[in-house]
Amino acid sequence: MHELSLMMGIVDQLRKSAAENNIKKISKVMLVVGEMTMAVPDALQLAFEAFKEEELFQNAVLEIRKEPVRGECKDCHHNFGVEDFAFVCPNCSSPNVRIASGRELYIDYYEGD
């Protein structure tokens, strides 16, 4: 379960940012997770629960927004949703495709006092 190590890194970033901004309690965290990260949202939620004993995160809620895999054709510039990891442009059939989204894993924002 690599989600626990991912969450440890996320929590470290939150601790650092909260300290820099004089925030004593975090109430909400919005995390963006791309489908290509293979991170399972339920496992991330479970990993986040492990940190709730810490005063900073006691009543915090973790929300996760899944980012779908999208491609952009380098030939015709068509932007499209990627199904079953088939990186072929549905508009011109070119395999010359750039991954436009789906690899994200970041804290979009957090709220606290």
Protein backbone atom coordinates (compact mmCIF):
# COMPACT_ATOMS: atom_id res chain seq x y z
CA MET A 1 0.00 0.00 0.00
CA HIS A 2 2.01 2.95 -1.27
CA GLU A 3 -0.83 5.27 -0.23
CA LEU A 4 0.52 5.41 3.34
CA SER A 5 3.91 6.68 2.18
CA LEU A 6 2.17 9.14 -0.17
CA MET A 7 0.04 10.39 2.72
CA MET A 8 3.11 10.75 4.94
CA GLY A 9 4.59 13.13 2.36
CA ILE A 10 1.31 15.04 2.04
CA VAL A 11 0.99 15.38 5.81
CA ASP A 12 4.59 16.62 6.05
CA GLN A 13 3.80 19.32 3.48
CA LEU A 14 0.66 20.29 5.39
CA ARG A 15 2.56 20.50 8.69
CA LYS A 16 5.21 22.73 7.14
CA SER A 17 2.69 25.03 5.46
CA ALA A 18 0.54 25.24 8.59
CA ALA A 19 3.58 26.19 10.70
CA GLU A 20 4.65 28.83 8.17
CA ASN A 21 1.14 30.33 8.19
CA ASN A 22 0.53 30.05 11.95
CA ILE A 23 -2.34 27.57 11.50
CA LYS A 24 -3.03 25.42 14.54
CA LYS A 25 -5.88 23.24 13.21
CA ILE A 26 -6.62 22.05 9.70
CA SER A 27 -10.31 21.50 8.99
CA LYS A 28 -10.29 20.46 5.32
CA VAL A 29 -7.79 19.23 2.75
CA MET A 30 -8.54 19.04 -0.98
CA LEU A 31 -6.28 16.57 -2.74
CA VAL A 32 -6.14 16.12 -6.52
CA VAL A 33 -5.25 12.59 -7.64
CA GLY A 34 -4.73 11.65 -11.28
CA GLU A 35 -5.89 8.22 -12.42
CA MET A 36 -2.40 7.35 -13.68
CA THR A 37 -0.91 7.65 -10.18
CA MET A 38 -2.65 4.38 -9.34
CA ALA A 39 -3.33 5.80 -5.87
CA VAL A 40 -6.61 4.42 -4.50
CA PRO A 41 -8.78 7.17 -2.95
CA ASP A 42 -10.21 4.87 -0.26
CA ALA A 43 -6.69 3.81 0.75
CA LEU A 44 -5.62 7.49 0.89
CA GLN A 45 -8.62 8.21 3.14
CA LEU A 46 -7.65 5.32 5.41
CA ALA A 47 -4.03 6.50 5.52
CA PHE A 48 -5.18 10.03 6.40
CA GLU A 49 -7.15 8.63 9.36
CA ALA A 50 -3.87 7.47 10.90
CA PHE A 51 -2.87 11.11 11.41
CA LYS A 52 -6.11 12.27 13.03
CA GLU A 53 -4.77 11.73 16.54
CA GLU A 54 -2.40 14.61 15.88
CA GLU A 55 -3.92 17.87 17.11
CA LEU A 56 -3.36 19.62 13.77
CA PHE A 57 -5.58 17.09 11.96
CA GLN A 58 -8.06 16.05 14.69
CA ASN A 59 -11.31 16.98 12.94
CA ALA A 60 -9.92 17.41 9.44
CA VAL A 61 -11.79 16.15 6.41
CA LEU A 62 -9.92 14.87 3.37
CA GLU A 63 -11.66 15.41 0.05
CA ILE A 64 -10.25 13.85 -3.09
CA ARG A 65 -10.88 15.01 -6.63
CA LYS A 66 -9.96 12.38 -9.21
CA GLU A 67 -8.41 13.72 -12.39
CA PRO A 68 -9.12 11.61 -15.49
CA VAL A 69 -6.48 10.70 -18.04
CA ARG A 70 -6.60 13.11 -20.97
CA GLY A 71 -4.44 13.26 -24.06
CA GLU A 72 -3.60 15.91 -26.60
CA CYS A 73 -2.63 14.98 -30.12
CA LYS A 74 0.65 16.60 -31.15
CA ASP A 75 -0.41 16.41 -34.79
CA CYS A 76 -3.97 17.76 -34.90
CA HIS A 77 -4.08 19.26 -31.33
CA HIS A 78 -7.29 17.40 -30.47
CA ASN A 79 -7.83 17.09 -26.69
CA PHE A 80 -9.56 13.86 -25.63
CA GLY A 81 -10.29 11.48 -22.79
CA VAL A 82 -8.07 8.41 -22.79
CA GLU A 83 -9.89 5.09 -22.40
CA ASP A 84 -8.06 1.92 -21.34
CA PHE A 85 -4.70 3.70 -21.69
CA ALA A 86 -5.07 3.75 -25.50
CA PHE A 87 -2.94 6.75 -26.42
CA VAL A 88 -4.14 7.12 -30.00
CA CYS A 89 -5.92 10.24 -31.20
CA PRO A 90 -9.59 9.46 -31.95
CA ASN A 91 -9.68 12.39 -34.37
CA CYS A 92 -6.75 11.56 -36.71
CA SER A 93 -5.55 8.14 -35.42
CA SER A 94 -2.08 9.49 -34.64
CA PRO A 95 -0.08 7.76 -31.88
CA ASN A 96 1.79 11.05 -31.34
CA VAL A 97 -0.06 11.93 -28.11
CA ARG A 98 0.98 14.00 -25.10
CA ILE A 99 -0.49 13.17 -21.68
CA ALA A 100 -2.42 16.33 -20.77
CA SER A 101 -3.73 15.18 -17.38
CA GLY A 102 -4.00 12.16 -15.14
CA ARG A 103 -0.56 12.14 -13.50
CA GLU A 104 -1.35 14.77 -10.85
CA LEU A 105 -0.97 14.27 -7.14
CA TYR A 106 -1.05 17.50 -5.20
CA ILE A 107 -2.74 19.47 -2.44
CA ASP A 108 -5.13 21.85 -4.19
CA TYR A 109 -5.85 23.74 -0.98
CA TYR A 110 -6.47 23.32 2.71
CA GLU A 111 -8.53 25.23 5.25
CA GLY A 112 -7.78 25.85 8.88
CA ASP A 113 -7.49 28.27 11.79
